[in-house]
Amino acid sequence: MTHDKAAIVERFFARTGPSYDAVVRYFTLGIDWRWKRRILAALPPTPRRVLDLACGTGILTFAIARAYPDCRVVGVDISRGYLDVAKAKAARSDRVTFVHQLAETFVSDQPFDAVTASYLPKYADLDRLIPQIAAMLVPGGVVILHDFTYPTHALLQQIFRLYFRWIPSIGGHFYPEWEETLRELPEVIRTTTWVAESVAAMRRSGLRDIQVTSLTLQGAALITARKERSSWESGRESVSFLSSMPRSLEHF
């Protein structure tokens, strides 16, 4: 995470941990959980260890633990406030551990079957983060990135603008601590190039079977990739664009 992006994260999320679960549920109209289910579906069949970067209050972290009873999950986040909320929930599971650390600097001497990161990529230093993720994956392990995207279709752009025209005032009324974040978030989404940057960094890191899937009116994207199992795969490269995600990533 660069200094500028770290400053944005600090400003956006300094006081919003206690209300995060409600805000992400209400102001994505429940779609956040559909996206989380897509992440769960992309995990390996029987993961034993999963790393959840930018875990926040642990929504995805605990969902992984519930879905895979034999899996240990490590959640990492830069915000102490969010981790306080997550740790308060942790009494429900002895298979979940939380670490207060920048995602790009987290390392583990025990590899993971999968690494997930939801809502992190637009803020992250991807050239630094993705090689680190690749190094922590077991052979055949998968990385799953998810975040908002700005639509490329003109009509969907108009829907995006209309949504963010009213959501800050409504959200700020019910959750005043979120008003600044909700007003500034659209510009972050419009200007991020996280999809293109992620694909390029995955290629450089030797990850294979890269798939980019557009979600919900091009309002978000899911990228999955796999660490090669053996040396014979090193000459293979595959990048797939699904569900109307344009092959050209210039617009992101």
Protein backbone atom coordinates (compact mmCIF):
# COMPACT_ATOMS: atom_id res chain seq x y z
CA MET A 1 0.00 0.00 0.00
CA THR A 2 1.48 3.34 -1.02
CA HIS A 3 1.58 6.28 1.41
CA ASP A 4 -1.31 8.02 -0.38
CA LYS A 5 -3.48 4.91 -0.41
CA ALA A 6 -2.66 4.18 3.24
CA ALA A 7 -3.77 7.72 4.11
CA ILE A 8 -7.07 7.15 2.29
CA VAL A 9 -7.67 3.91 4.17
CA GLU A 10 -6.90 5.57 7.50
CA ARG A 11 -9.29 8.44 6.75
CA PHE A 12 -12.05 6.22 5.41
CA PHE A 13 -12.05 3.59 8.13
CA ALA A 14 -10.73 5.19 11.32
CA ARG A 15 -14.09 5.32 13.13
CA THR A 16 -16.34 3.01 11.16
CA GLY A 17 -15.60 -0.45 12.53
CA PRO A 18 -18.63 -0.81 14.85
CA SER A 19 -21.11 0.02 12.08
CA TYR A 20 -19.31 -1.66 9.16
CA ASP A 21 -21.34 -4.89 9.07
CA ALA A 22 -24.63 -3.00 8.89
CA VAL A 23 -23.43 -0.48 6.31
CA VAL A 24 -21.96 -3.06 3.94
CA ARG A 25 -25.16 -5.09 4.16
CA TYR A 26 -27.65 -2.25 3.72
CA PHE A 27 -25.83 -0.07 1.22
CA THR A 28 -24.91 -2.90 -1.13
CA LEU A 29 -28.59 -3.94 -0.89
CA GLY A 30 -27.46 -7.33 0.34
CA ILE A 31 -25.33 -7.94 -2.74
CA ASP A 32 -22.15 -8.06 -0.65
CA TRP A 33 -23.20 -11.48 0.65
CA ARG A 34 -23.77 -12.73 -2.89
CA TRP A 35 -20.24 -11.63 -3.71
CA LYS A 36 -18.92 -13.36 -0.60
CA ARG A 37 -20.63 -16.55 -1.74
CA ARG A 38 -18.81 -16.29 -5.07
CA ILE A 39 -15.54 -16.06 -3.18
CA LEU A 40 -16.42 -19.12 -1.10
CA ALA A 41 -17.30 -21.04 -4.26
CA ALA A 42 -13.87 -20.25 -5.73
CA LEU A 43 -11.97 -21.80 -2.80
CA PRO A 44 -10.37 -25.24 -3.17
CA PRO A 45 -12.64 -28.17 -2.23
CA THR A 46 -11.02 -28.94 1.14
CA PRO A 47 -8.73 -26.10 2.25
CA ARG A 48 -6.78 -26.62 5.47
CA ARG A 49 -5.35 -23.10 5.79
CA VAL A 50 -6.76 -19.88 4.30
CA LEU A 51 -5.43 -16.34 4.59
CA ASP A 52 -8.00 -13.52 4.46
CA LEU A 53 -6.29 -10.19 3.77
CA ALA A 54 -8.02 -6.93 4.72
CA CYS A 55 -10.38 -9.09 6.74
CA GLY A 56 -12.02 -6.09 8.42
CA THR A 57 -14.63 -7.20 10.94
CA GLY A 58 -14.29 -10.81 9.83
CA ILE A 59 -17.41 -11.23 7.69
CA LEU A 60 -15.62 -13.35 5.08
CA THR A 61 -13.16 -14.81 7.59
CA PHE A 62 -15.89 -16.42 9.67
CA ALA A 63 -17.85 -17.45 6.58
CA ILE A 64 -14.82 -19.46 5.43
CA ALA A 65 -14.47 -21.05 8.87
CA ARG A 66 -18.16 -22.00 8.90
CA ALA A 67 -18.04 -23.44 5.38
CA TYR A 68 -14.92 -25.54 6.07
CA PRO A 69 -14.95 -26.99 9.61
CA ASP A 70 -11.44 -28.46 9.27
CA CYS A 71 -9.90 -25.21 8.01
CA ARG A 72 -7.84 -22.73 10.01
CA VAL A 73 -8.28 -19.13 8.87
CA VAL A 74 -5.92 -16.19 9.45
CA GLY A 75 -7.38 -12.71 9.08
CA VAL A 76 -5.08 -9.73 8.57
CA ASP A 77 -6.10 -6.07 8.71
CA ILE A 78 -4.50 -2.66 9.13
CA SER A 79 -7.33 -1.26 11.27
CA ARG A 80 -7.28 -1.97 15.00
CA GLY A 81 -10.88 -0.78 15.28
CA TYR A 82 -12.08 -3.32 12.76
CA LEU A 83 -10.03 -6.10 14.35
CA ASP A 84 -11.52 -5.27 17.75
CA VAL A 85 -14.94 -6.01 16.27
CA ALA A 86 -13.64 -9.19 14.62
CA LYS A 87 -11.97 -10.42 17.80
CA ALA A 88 -15.19 -9.90 19.74
CA LYS A 89 -16.78 -12.39 17.36
CA ALA A 90 -13.82 -14.78 17.55
CA ALA A 91 -15.10 -16.49 20.68
CA ARG A 92 -17.41 -18.34 18.29
CA SER A 93 -14.47 -20.13 16.66
CA ASP A 94 -11.11 -21.43 17.84
CA ARG A 95 -9.97 -21.90 14.24
CA VAL A 96 -9.75 -18.19 13.43
CA THR A 97 -6.74 -15.98 14.22
CA PHE A 98 -6.47 -12.22 13.64
CA VAL A 99 -3.29 -10.22 12.98
CA HIS A 100 -2.93 -6.45 12.99
CA GLN A 101 -0.63 -5.77 10.04
CA LEU A 102 -0.41 -4.20 6.61
CA ALA A 103 -1.39 -6.77 3.99
CA GLU A 104 1.71 -6.14 1.88
CA THR A 105 4.06 -6.86 4.80
CA PHE A 106 2.40 -9.97 6.21
CA VAL A 107 4.46 -13.15 5.85
CA SER A 108 3.96 -16.68 7.11
CA ASP A 109 6.34 -19.61 7.32
CA GLN A 110 3.34 -21.93 6.93
CA PRO A 111 1.83 -21.90 3.43
CA PHE A 112 -1.86 -21.44 2.62
CA ASP A 113 -4.20 -23.36 0.35
CA ALA A 114 -5.91 -20.10 -0.58
CA VAL A 115 -5.56 -16.35 -0.07
CA THR A 116 -8.58 -14.08 -0.29
CA ALA A 117 -8.79 -10.29 -0.39
CA SER A 118 -12.16 -8.53 -0.61
CA TYR A 119 -12.27 -4.73 -1.04
CA LEU A 120 -8.48 -4.53 -0.63
CA PRO A 121 -7.17 -4.42 -4.23
CA LYS A 122 -8.16 -0.81 -5.03
CA TYR A 123 -6.07 0.38 -2.08
CA ALA A 124 -3.16 -2.06 -2.29
CA ASP A 125 0.32 -1.86 -3.78
CA LEU A 126 -0.39 -4.81 -6.05
CA ASP A 127 3.14 -5.08 -7.44
CA ARG A 128 4.25 -5.75 -3.89
CA LEU A 129 1.23 -7.67 -2.61
CA ILE A 130 0.71 -10.30 -5.30
CA PRO A 131 4.27 -11.71 -5.33
CA GLN A 132 3.99 -11.98 -1.55
CA ILE A 133 0.72 -13.87 -1.91
CA ALA A 134 2.20 -16.19 -4.53
CA ALA A 135 5.12 -17.00 -2.23
CA MET A 136 2.74 -18.03 0.58
CA LEU A 137 0.57 -20.37 -1.53
CA VAL A 138 1.02 -24.13 -1.63
CA PRO A 139 1.50 -25.61 -5.14
CA GLY A 140 -1.97 -25.61 -6.68
CA GLY A 141 -3.18 -23.00 -4.18
CA VAL A 142 -5.49 -20.22 -5.31
CA VAL A 143 -5.70 -16.47 -4.84
CA ILE A 144 -9.09 -14.74 -4.98
CA LEU A 145 -9.33 -10.96 -5.32
CA HIS A 146 -12.59 -9.02 -5.19
CA ASP A 147 -13.40 -5.32 -5.31
CA PHE A 148 -15.57 -2.62 -6.83
CA THR A 149 -15.12 -1.59 -10.47
CA TYR A 150 -16.34 1.34 -12.52
CA PRO A 151 -18.62 0.12 -15.33
CA THR A 152 -17.52 0.48 -18.94
CA HIS A 153 -21.06 0.54 -20.34
CA ALA A 154 -22.59 4.04 -20.56
CA LEU A 155 -25.97 3.06 -19.09
CA LEU A 156 -24.32 1.27 -16.18
CA GLN A 157 -22.12 4.30 -15.57
CA GLN A 158 -25.28 6.37 -15.25
CA ILE A 159 -26.69 3.91 -12.71
CA PHE A 160 -23.38 4.12 -10.81
CA ARG A 161 -23.59 7.93 -10.71
CA LEU A 162 -27.23 7.93 -9.60
CA TYR A 163 -26.51 5.45 -6.82
CA PHE A 164 -23.64 7.46 -5.40
CA ARG A 165 -25.60 10.69 -5.75
CA TRP A 166 -28.09 9.69 -3.06
CA ILE A 167 -26.24 7.11 -0.99
CA PRO A 168 -23.91 9.55 0.87
CA SER A 169 -26.74 11.73 2.19
CA ILE A 170 -28.88 8.76 3.20
CA GLY A 171 -25.96 6.83 4.63
CA GLY A 172 -24.63 9.92 6.38
CA HIS A 173 -28.02 10.51 8.01
CA PHE A 174 -28.17 7.05 9.58
CA TYR A 175 -24.42 6.56 10.00
CA PRO A 176 -22.74 10.00 10.22
CA GLU A 177 -19.27 8.47 10.57
CA TRP A 178 -19.65 7.10 7.02
CA GLU A 179 -20.62 10.28 5.17
CA GLU A 180 -17.10 11.30 4.11
CA THR A 181 -16.24 7.77 3.01
CA LEU A 182 -19.41 7.39 0.96
CA ARG A 183 -18.82 10.75 -0.74
CA GLU A 184 -15.20 10.02 -1.68
CA LEU A 185 -15.51 6.33 -2.53
CA PRO A 186 -16.93 6.86 -6.07
CA GLU A 187 -13.80 8.72 -7.17
CA VAL A 188 -11.58 5.96 -5.80
CA ILE A 189 -13.61 3.39 -7.77
CA ARG A 190 -13.59 5.50 -10.95
CA THR A 191 -9.83 5.95 -10.94
CA THR A 192 -8.60 2.55 -9.76
CA THR A 193 -6.90 0.25 -12.26
CA TRP A 194 -6.75 -2.69 -9.88
CA VAL A 195 -8.05 -5.28 -12.37
CA ALA A 196 -5.40 -4.60 -15.00
CA GLU A 197 -2.68 -4.21 -12.37
CA SER A 198 -3.65 -7.50 -10.69
CA VAL A 199 -3.62 -9.50 -13.92
CA ALA A 200 -0.21 -8.08 -14.87
CA ALA A 201 1.24 -8.78 -11.42
CA MET A 202 -0.16 -12.31 -11.42
CA ARG A 203 1.48 -13.01 -14.75
CA ARG A 204 4.81 -11.70 -13.50
CA SER A 205 4.48 -13.81 -10.34
CA GLY A 206 3.97 -16.99 -12.35
CA LEU A 207 0.33 -17.53 -11.37
CA ARG A 208 -1.77 -19.52 -13.85
CA ASP A 209 -5.39 -19.98 -14.91
CA ILE A 210 -6.19 -16.33 -14.30
CA GLN A 211 -9.92 -15.64 -14.58
CA VAL A 212 -11.57 -12.22 -14.42
CA THR A 213 -15.31 -12.23 -13.76
CA SER A 214 -17.51 -9.14 -13.87
CA LEU A 215 -20.22 -9.04 -11.20
CA THR A 216 -23.55 -7.25 -10.78
CA LEU A 217 -23.91 -4.70 -13.60
CA GLN A 218 -20.12 -4.37 -13.85
CA GLY A 219 -20.09 -2.92 -10.33
CA ALA A 220 -17.46 -5.33 -9.06
CA ALA A 221 -15.03 -7.96 -10.29
CA LEU A 222 -13.61 -11.23 -9.06
CA ILE A 223 -10.15 -12.41 -10.11
CA THR A 224 -8.93 -15.91 -9.41
CA ALA A 225 -5.56 -17.46 -10.18
CA ARG A 226 -3.62 -20.57 -9.23
CA LYS A 227 -0.05 -21.33 -8.32
CA GLU A 228 1.35 -23.97 -10.63
CA ARG A 229 1.56 -27.48 -9.25
CA SER A 230 4.69 -28.57 -11.08
CA SER A 231 7.36 -27.37 -13.46
CA TRP A 232 5.57 -28.71 -16.55
CA GLU A 233 2.92 -26.03 -16.13
CA SER A 234 5.42 -23.18 -16.26
CA GLY A 235 5.01 -22.79 -20.00
CA ARG A 236 1.22 -22.55 -19.83
CA GLU A 237 -0.60 -19.28 -19.40
CA SER A 238 -4.33 -18.72 -19.43
CA VAL A 239 -6.34 -15.57 -18.85
CA SER A 240 -10.12 -15.79 -19.12
CA PHE A 241 -12.62 -12.94 -19.04
CA LEU A 242 -16.09 -14.00 -17.97
CA SER A 243 -19.55 -12.49 -17.61
CA SER A 244 -19.05 -9.53 -19.93
CA MET A 245 -15.72 -8.37 -18.52
CA PRO A 246 -14.07 -6.72 -21.56
CA ARG A 247 -10.93 -8.35 -22.89
CA SER A 248 -9.31 -4.95 -23.03
CA LEU A 249 -8.66 -3.73 -19.50
CA GLU A 250 -7.84 -0.18 -20.57
CA HIS A 251 -11.00 1.17 -18.96
CA PHE A 252 -10.14 0.00 -15.48
